Amino acid sequence: MEKKYPNHKSSELRQLIRHTEDTDRLHDLLSDLWEETSNEKLHEYDEVTVKQNILKAIVPPKRTHTQPYTPTSSFRSKNNIRKVVVGASLVLSVIVAYFFIAPGSHQSNQLPAQADIVKATAKGFRSTIILRDGSKVTLNAETKITYDPGYGITNRNISLDGEAFFEVAKNKDLPFVVTSRNLSTVALGTSFNVRDYKCEKLASISLFTGSVEVSTLDSTKHSKDSSLVLYPNEQAEFNKRSNNLTKNTMDREKTAAWREEKLYIENQPLKEIVKMLERWYDVDIDIEGDSSAKELYYKGTGIFERQSLEMVLSTIGYSMGFESQINEDQILIKLNDQLPMEKLKTDTPMK
């Protein structure tokens, strides 16, 4: 049970606030009340409400235009200095009185519900966030993380939509849990990459340091299904169509490329490349041409470091057999229907 302070001290404090200038006695009484009061629930107080009540108690109403303004004189005499000291003590008294004397809802164990915290990046942007526990999160373009106000105190649970790299601070009492659309990843102190975009057929967890447990989620029940443990340089891939979770060796260069501002294209269909380019450069791209050619699949590897969209489209367009037109942020890809499909599928790496 929460420890209460003696009623006679509460009454004495009220009297001192109203009638006395005995600052020594006021200080001693405040100290006694502080020591005798439990601090178990202090973290549950609504800080905003506390500040508002304190300001109401110590700040006089704003002067209206009909009230005359009287300049404030300088505090030079000893008597004025004493009044300042007493005034400061009274302000402190009001603060303490709010917590320990005034009846009200602040003693309730229930707090008003607080909204979840959301951090997001738009297309064409990346950002880094330091969380309360010291963990570091780097967000790729068009990515969002969500966590509740209790993060770092009662839990370390994060929801992810998109791709992010996590550098997790160690805390054996609070596991670090990342839940994306299809996967759940649990860690204590480690660094790993999670990629789970809605438009992509694969979701992946890539481990750089430490170890993590990866589990698939039932899309209807949002409960854990199959799971496996990853160690450094291992990657878990989840195929959203077949619902298969597999483990293989991570391509470290490919996984880390986006954090080094490198666009990495490898063995991907044109539709997927287009989505990547739209996200990376914050543009809209349309494909015009034969419907069968829209299923064009690029076989090869291309790494573009801080290069313009025009240069990227020109390079892969030459290899894959299409032309592109750029008009501000609207881009049109025109497929060459006359080219044979063997020409459209190339193994030539892009440099």
Protein backbone atom coordinates (compact mmCIF):
# COMPACT_ATOMS: atom_id res chain seq x y z
CA MET A 1 0.00 0.00 0.00
CA GLU A 2 1.19 3.48 -0.80
CA LYS A 3 2.65 5.26 2.22
CA LYS A 4 0.75 8.34 3.38
CA TYR A 5 2.16 11.42 5.06
CA PRO A 6 0.87 12.46 8.54
CA ASN A 7 -2.21 14.69 8.48
CA HIS A 8 -0.86 17.08 11.12
CA LYS A 9 2.10 17.89 8.91
CA SER A 10 -0.24 18.56 5.98
CA SER A 11 -2.21 21.03 8.08
CA GLU A 12 0.95 22.70 9.33
CA LEU A 13 2.22 23.09 5.77
CA ARG A 14 -1.03 24.73 4.73
CA GLN A 15 -0.75 27.20 7.60
CA LEU A 16 2.89 28.00 6.78
CA ILE A 17 2.07 28.62 3.13
CA ARG A 18 -0.69 31.06 4.06
CA HIS A 19 0.68 32.95 7.06
CA THR A 20 4.40 32.56 7.76
CA GLU A 21 7.71 33.94 6.65
CA ASP A 22 9.64 31.32 8.67
CA THR A 23 11.53 29.87 5.72
CA ASP A 24 13.69 27.59 7.90
CA ARG A 25 10.66 25.84 9.38
CA LEU A 26 9.06 25.65 5.92
CA HIS A 27 12.19 24.02 4.47
CA ASP A 28 12.37 21.46 7.31
CA LEU A 29 8.72 20.53 6.92
CA LEU A 30 9.02 20.10 3.18
CA SER A 31 12.04 17.83 3.68
CA ASP A 32 10.15 15.70 6.19
CA LEU A 33 7.19 15.29 3.86
CA TRP A 34 9.44 14.37 0.97
CA GLU A 35 11.24 11.67 2.95
CA GLU A 36 8.00 10.20 4.30
CA THR A 37 6.26 9.95 0.94
CA SER A 38 6.55 6.86 -1.24
CA ASN A 39 8.10 7.43 -4.67
CA GLU A 40 6.61 4.30 -6.21
CA LYS A 41 4.03 6.20 -8.25
CA LEU A 42 5.97 9.35 -9.11
CA HIS A 43 6.60 8.20 -12.69
CA GLU A 44 2.84 7.87 -13.21
CA TYR A 45 2.02 11.56 -12.74
CA ASP A 46 0.90 13.43 -15.82
CA GLU A 47 3.70 15.96 -16.28
CA VAL A 48 1.67 18.29 -18.50
CA THR A 49 -1.23 18.48 -16.01
CA VAL A 50 1.17 19.06 -13.12
CA LYS A 51 2.81 21.98 -14.92
CA GLN A 52 -0.53 23.51 -15.81
CA ASN A 53 -1.74 23.35 -12.19
CA ILE A 54 1.49 24.82 -10.89
CA LEU A 55 1.32 27.70 -13.37
CA LYS A 56 -2.30 28.39 -12.41
CA ALA A 57 -1.26 28.58 -8.77
CA ILE A 58 1.77 30.84 -9.09
CA VAL A 59 1.25 32.98 -12.23
CA PRO A 60 -1.23 35.90 -11.94
CA PRO A 61 -3.82 36.42 -14.68
CA LYS A 62 -2.64 38.29 -17.77
CA ARG A 63 -3.17 42.05 -17.67
CA THR A 64 -5.93 43.27 -19.98
CA HIS A 65 -5.69 46.42 -22.07
CA THR A 66 -7.87 48.28 -19.53
CA GLN A 67 -5.44 47.63 -16.65
CA PRO A 68 -2.69 50.20 -16.04
CA TYR A 69 0.91 48.97 -16.23
CA THR A 70 3.19 49.68 -13.27
CA PRO A 71 6.93 49.17 -13.83
CA THR A 72 8.59 46.70 -11.44
CA SER A 73 11.24 48.20 -9.16
CA SER A 74 14.69 46.68 -8.65
CA PHE A 75 15.28 44.43 -5.61
CA ARG A 76 17.98 46.33 -3.76
CA SER A 77 17.06 46.39 -0.05
CA LYS A 78 17.54 43.50 2.38
CA ASN A 79 13.80 43.48 3.01
CA ASN A 80 13.07 43.00 -0.68
CA ILE A 81 15.69 40.26 -0.92
CA ARG A 82 13.99 38.48 1.98
CA LYS A 83 10.65 38.73 0.17
CA VAL A 84 12.19 37.11 -2.90
CA VAL A 85 13.46 34.21 -0.78
CA VAL A 86 10.09 33.79 0.89
CA GLY A 87 8.36 33.98 -2.49
CA ALA A 88 10.59 31.28 -3.91
CA SER A 89 9.86 29.09 -0.89
CA LEU A 90 6.15 29.58 -1.40
CA VAL A 91 6.46 28.56 -5.06
CA LEU A 92 8.22 25.39 -3.96
CA SER A 93 5.48 24.86 -1.40
CA VAL A 94 2.80 25.09 -4.06
CA ILE A 95 4.62 22.46 -6.14
CA VAL A 96 4.93 20.08 -3.20
CA ALA A 97 1.41 20.83 -2.05
CA TYR A 98 0.08 19.82 -5.45
CA PHE A 99 1.73 16.39 -5.22
CA PHE A 100 1.26 15.62 -1.52
CA ILE A 101 -1.67 17.67 -0.24
CA ALA A 102 -4.21 18.67 -2.86
CA PRO A 103 -6.85 15.99 -3.34
CA GLY A 104 -7.63 14.96 -6.87
CA SER A 105 -7.17 12.50 -9.65
CA HIS A 106 -3.35 12.57 -9.55
CA GLN A 107 -3.38 9.92 -6.83
CA SER A 108 -5.23 7.51 -9.10
CA ASN A 109 -3.32 4.53 -10.43
CA GLN A 110 -4.95 5.02 -13.82
CA LEU A 111 -3.53 7.53 -16.30
CA PRO A 112 -5.26 8.89 -19.38
CA ALA A 113 -4.34 6.82 -22.43
CA GLN A 114 -1.44 8.29 -24.36
CA ALA A 115 -1.11 8.04 -28.11
CA ASP A 116 1.53 5.83 -29.70
CA ILE A 117 4.70 7.48 -30.97
CA VAL A 118 5.23 7.35 -34.73
CA LYS A 119 8.45 8.08 -36.63
CA ALA A 120 8.32 7.95 -40.42
CA THR A 121 10.25 8.82 -43.57
CA ALA A 122 8.77 9.79 -46.92
CA LYS A 123 9.93 8.66 -50.34
CA GLY A 124 13.41 9.91 -51.13
CA PHE A 125 14.41 10.35 -47.47
CA ARG A 126 16.27 8.38 -44.81
CA SER A 127 16.67 9.24 -41.14
CA THR A 128 18.27 8.07 -37.88
CA ILE A 129 16.51 8.00 -34.50
CA ILE A 130 17.99 7.47 -31.02
CA LEU A 131 15.46 5.80 -28.71
CA ARG A 132 15.08 6.31 -24.96
CA ASP A 133 17.17 3.24 -24.06
CA GLY A 134 20.04 4.27 -26.34
CA SER A 135 19.09 1.97 -29.20
CA LYS A 136 19.64 3.46 -32.66
CA VAL A 137 17.24 3.01 -35.59
CA THR A 138 18.01 4.00 -39.18
CA LEU A 139 14.92 4.24 -41.38
CA ASN A 140 15.02 3.67 -45.13
CA ALA A 141 12.74 5.61 -47.47
CA GLU A 142 8.96 5.19 -47.07
CA THR A 143 9.32 3.50 -43.68
CA LYS A 144 7.41 3.90 -40.41
CA ILE A 145 8.04 2.66 -36.87
CA THR A 146 5.49 2.85 -34.04
CA TYR A 147 5.97 2.35 -30.29
CA ASP A 148 4.08 3.26 -27.13
CA PRO A 149 5.11 5.83 -24.47
CA GLY A 150 6.21 3.01 -22.15
CA TYR A 151 9.08 2.07 -24.48
CA GLY A 152 12.31 1.66 -22.52
CA ILE A 153 10.44 1.49 -19.18
CA THR A 154 7.95 -1.36 -19.38
CA ASN A 155 8.75 -2.74 -22.84
CA ARG A 156 10.90 -2.38 -25.96
CA ASN A 157 8.31 -3.26 -28.58
CA ILE A 158 8.39 -1.64 -32.02
CA SER A 159 6.11 -2.05 -35.04
CA LEU A 160 7.75 -1.64 -38.45
CA ASP A 161 6.37 -0.97 -41.90
CA GLY A 162 9.17 -0.79 -44.49
CA GLU A 163 12.91 -1.25 -43.88
CA ALA A 164 15.10 -0.26 -40.94
CA PHE A 165 18.46 -1.10 -39.39
CA PHE A 166 18.43 -1.58 -35.61
CA GLU A 167 21.42 -1.21 -33.27
CA VAL A 168 20.02 -2.48 -29.99
CA ALA A 169 21.27 -1.39 -26.56
CA LYS A 170 21.69 -4.31 -24.16
CA ASN A 171 19.00 -4.85 -21.54
CA LYS A 172 18.56 -8.41 -20.29
CA ASP A 173 15.30 -7.52 -18.53
CA LEU A 174 13.55 -6.02 -21.55
CA PRO A 175 13.81 -7.94 -24.84
CA PHE A 176 13.81 -5.80 -27.98
CA VAL A 177 10.92 -6.92 -30.21
CA VAL A 178 10.33 -5.74 -33.78
CA THR A 179 7.04 -6.74 -35.37
CA SER A 180 6.62 -6.16 -39.10
CA ARG A 181 3.81 -7.24 -41.42
CA ASN A 182 4.94 -10.86 -41.56
CA LEU A 183 7.73 -11.39 -39.04
CA SER A 184 8.55 -10.95 -35.37
CA THR A 185 12.20 -10.49 -34.29
CA VAL A 186 13.36 -10.75 -30.67
CA ALA A 187 16.79 -9.56 -29.49
CA LEU A 188 18.57 -8.46 -26.30
CA GLY A 189 21.58 -6.55 -27.63
CA THR A 190 22.47 -6.83 -31.28
CA SER A 191 22.31 -5.17 -34.72
CA PHE A 192 20.12 -6.36 -37.56
CA ASN A 193 18.23 -5.23 -40.65
CA VAL A 194 14.51 -5.79 -41.21
CA ARG A 195 12.94 -5.39 -44.66
CA ASP A 196 9.21 -5.98 -45.04
CA TYR A 197 7.57 -3.72 -47.63
CA LYS A 198 3.95 -4.46 -48.50
CA CYS A 199 4.61 -4.42 -52.26
CA GLU A 200 7.48 -6.98 -52.16
CA LYS A 201 7.03 -10.75 -52.22
CA LEU A 202 9.90 -11.38 -49.80
CA ALA A 203 10.45 -10.17 -46.22
CA SER A 204 13.87 -10.56 -44.64
CA ILE A 205 15.84 -10.29 -41.39
CA SER A 206 19.63 -9.92 -41.75
CA LEU A 207 21.86 -10.24 -38.68
CA PHE A 208 25.09 -8.27 -38.29
CA THR A 209 25.97 -8.87 -34.61
CA GLY A 210 24.58 -10.87 -31.68
CA SER A 211 21.70 -13.27 -32.18
CA VAL A 212 17.96 -12.99 -32.76
CA GLU A 213 14.91 -15.23 -32.86
CA VAL A 214 12.74 -14.74 -35.94
CA SER A 215 9.15 -15.96 -36.09
CA THR A 216 6.51 -15.80 -38.80
CA LEU A 217 3.15 -14.32 -37.91
CA ASP A 218 -0.26 -15.72 -38.71
CA SER A 219 -1.80 -13.03 -40.90
CA THR A 220 -5.25 -13.56 -39.39
CA LYS A 221 -4.41 -14.23 -35.75
CA HIS A 222 -1.18 -12.23 -35.64
CA SER A 223 0.35 -15.03 -33.58
CA LYS A 224 3.70 -16.78 -33.93
CA ASP A 225 3.90 -19.68 -36.35
CA SER A 226 7.33 -21.13 -37.25
CA SER A 227 10.62 -19.72 -35.93
CA LEU A 228 14.40 -19.97 -36.19
CA VAL A 229 17.50 -18.42 -34.58
CA LEU A 230 19.96 -16.27 -36.55
CA TYR A 231 23.67 -15.72 -35.88
CA PRO A 232 26.01 -13.12 -37.44
CA ASN A 233 26.00 -13.03 -41.26
CA GLU A 234 22.86 -15.14 -41.47
CA GLN A 235 19.58 -14.07 -43.05
CA ALA A 236 15.99 -15.25 -42.71
CA GLU A 237 13.76 -14.86 -45.77
CA PHE A 238 10.01 -15.22 -45.74
CA ASN A 239 8.19 -15.88 -49.01
CA LYS A 240 4.78 -14.24 -48.68
CA ARG A 241 3.26 -16.37 -51.44
CA SER A 242 4.39 -19.79 -50.23
CA ASN A 243 4.54 -18.82 -46.51
CA ASN A 244 7.97 -20.45 -46.26
CA LEU A 245 10.63 -19.20 -43.82
CA THR A 246 14.20 -20.14 -44.78
CA LYS A 247 17.69 -19.35 -43.51
CA ASN A 248 20.72 -18.60 -45.68
CA THR A 249 23.96 -16.61 -45.75
CA MET A 250 23.54 -12.83 -45.76
CA ASP A 251 24.97 -10.70 -48.55
CA ARG A 252 26.49 -8.06 -46.28
CA GLU A 253 27.28 -5.57 -49.04
CA LYS A 254 23.79 -5.74 -50.50
CA THR A 255 22.04 -5.47 -47.14
CA ALA A 256 24.13 -2.49 -45.99
CA ALA A 257 24.03 -0.66 -49.34
CA TRP A 258 21.02 1.60 -48.62
CA ARG A 259 22.62 2.93 -45.41
CA GLU A 260 25.68 3.90 -47.46
CA GLU A 261 23.44 5.71 -49.99
CA LYS A 262 23.98 3.02 -52.62
CA LEU A 263 21.15 1.77 -54.80
CA TYR A 264 21.59 -1.98 -55.22
CA ILE A 265 19.75 -3.76 -58.06
CA GLU A 266 20.16 -7.51 -58.50
CA ASN A 267 18.13 -10.23 -60.23
CA GLN A 268 14.82 -8.37 -60.01
CA PRO A 269 11.77 -7.95 -62.24
CA LEU A 270 11.26 -4.55 -63.83
CA LYS A 271 8.11 -3.92 -61.77
CA GLU A 272 10.08 -4.36 -58.55
CA ILE A 273 12.92 -2.14 -59.81
CA VAL A 274 10.37 0.57 -60.65
CA LYS A 275 8.94 0.46 -57.11
CA MET A 276 12.45 0.75 -55.70
CA LEU A 277 13.26 3.75 -57.90
CA GLU A 278 9.99 5.48 -56.95
CA ARG A 279 10.81 5.03 -53.27
CA TRP A 280 14.46 6.05 -53.65
CA TYR A 281 13.93 9.20 -55.73
CA ASP A 282 10.37 10.15 -54.69
CA VAL A 283 8.90 10.01 -58.19
CA ASP A 284 6.08 8.26 -60.09
CA ILE A 285 7.04 5.93 -62.95
CA ASP A 286 4.68 4.53 -65.59
CA ILE A 287 5.47 1.62 -67.92
CA GLU A 288 4.20 1.75 -71.50
CA GLY A 289 4.45 -1.15 -73.94
CA ASP A 290 3.56 -4.76 -74.55
CA SER A 291 2.04 -6.36 -71.43
CA SER A 292 4.25 -9.45 -71.74
CA ALA A 293 7.36 -7.26 -71.77
CA LYS A 294 6.27 -5.70 -68.48
CA GLU A 295 7.27 -8.98 -66.84
CA LEU A 296 10.85 -8.30 -67.92
CA TYR A 297 13.32 -9.73 -65.40
CA TYR A 298 16.81 -8.34 -65.00
CA LYS A 299 19.57 -10.89 -64.38
CA GLY A 300 22.67 -9.19 -63.06
CA THR A 301 23.93 -6.75 -60.47
CA GLY A 302 24.03 -2.97 -60.48
CA ILE A 303 25.33 -0.67 -57.74
CA PHE A 304 24.64 3.05 -58.10
CA GLU A 305 26.24 5.37 -55.56
CA ARG A 306 24.70 8.85 -55.39
CA GLN A 307 23.83 8.84 -59.10
CA SER A 308 20.95 10.70 -60.73
CA LEU A 309 17.74 8.95 -61.69
CA GLU A 310 18.43 9.83 -65.34
CA MET A 311 21.78 8.01 -65.18
CA VAL A 312 20.25 4.95 -63.50
CA LEU A 313 17.42 4.69 -66.03
CA SER A 314 19.80 5.19 -68.92
CA THR A 315 22.09 2.39 -67.70
CA ILE A 316 19.48 -0.24 -66.96
CA GLY A 317 17.40 0.85 -69.96
CA TYR A 318 20.30 0.12 -72.30
CA SER A 319 20.67 -3.35 -70.79
CA MET A 320 16.98 -4.20 -70.57
CA GLY A 321 15.76 -2.63 -73.79
CA PHE A 322 13.67 0.40 -72.91
CA GLU A 323 13.78 4.17 -73.24
CA SER A 324 12.72 6.66 -70.58
CA GLN A 325 11.29 10.16 -70.60
CA ILE A 326 11.65 12.40 -67.53
CA ASN A 327 9.34 15.34 -66.97
CA GLU A 328 10.01 16.75 -63.47
CA ASP A 329 8.76 14.05 -61.08
CA GLN A 330 6.77 12.12 -63.72
CA ILE A 331 8.72 9.43 -65.59
CA LEU A 332 7.62 7.26 -68.51
CA ILE A 333 9.33 3.98 -69.46
CA LYS A 334 8.72 2.91 -73.06
CA LEU A 335 9.44 -0.75 -73.75
CA ASN A 336 10.81 -1.67 -77.18
CA ASP A 337 8.32 -4.28 -78.41
CA GLN A 338 10.55 -5.16 -81.39
CA LEU A 339 13.44 -6.46 -79.27
CA PRO A 340 13.55 -10.24 -78.79
CA MET A 341 13.11 -11.42 -75.19
CA GLU A 342 16.62 -12.91 -75.08
CA LYS A 343 17.92 -9.37 -75.62
CA LEU A 344 15.71 -8.10 -72.82
CA LYS A 345 17.10 -10.62 -70.36
CA THR A 346 20.73 -9.80 -69.75
CA ASP A 347 23.49 -11.08 -67.51
CA THR A 348 25.66 -8.00 -67.97
CA PRO A 349 26.45 -6.40 -64.59
CA MET A 350 25.71 -2.69 -64.21
CA LYS A 351 28.63 -0.63 -62.89
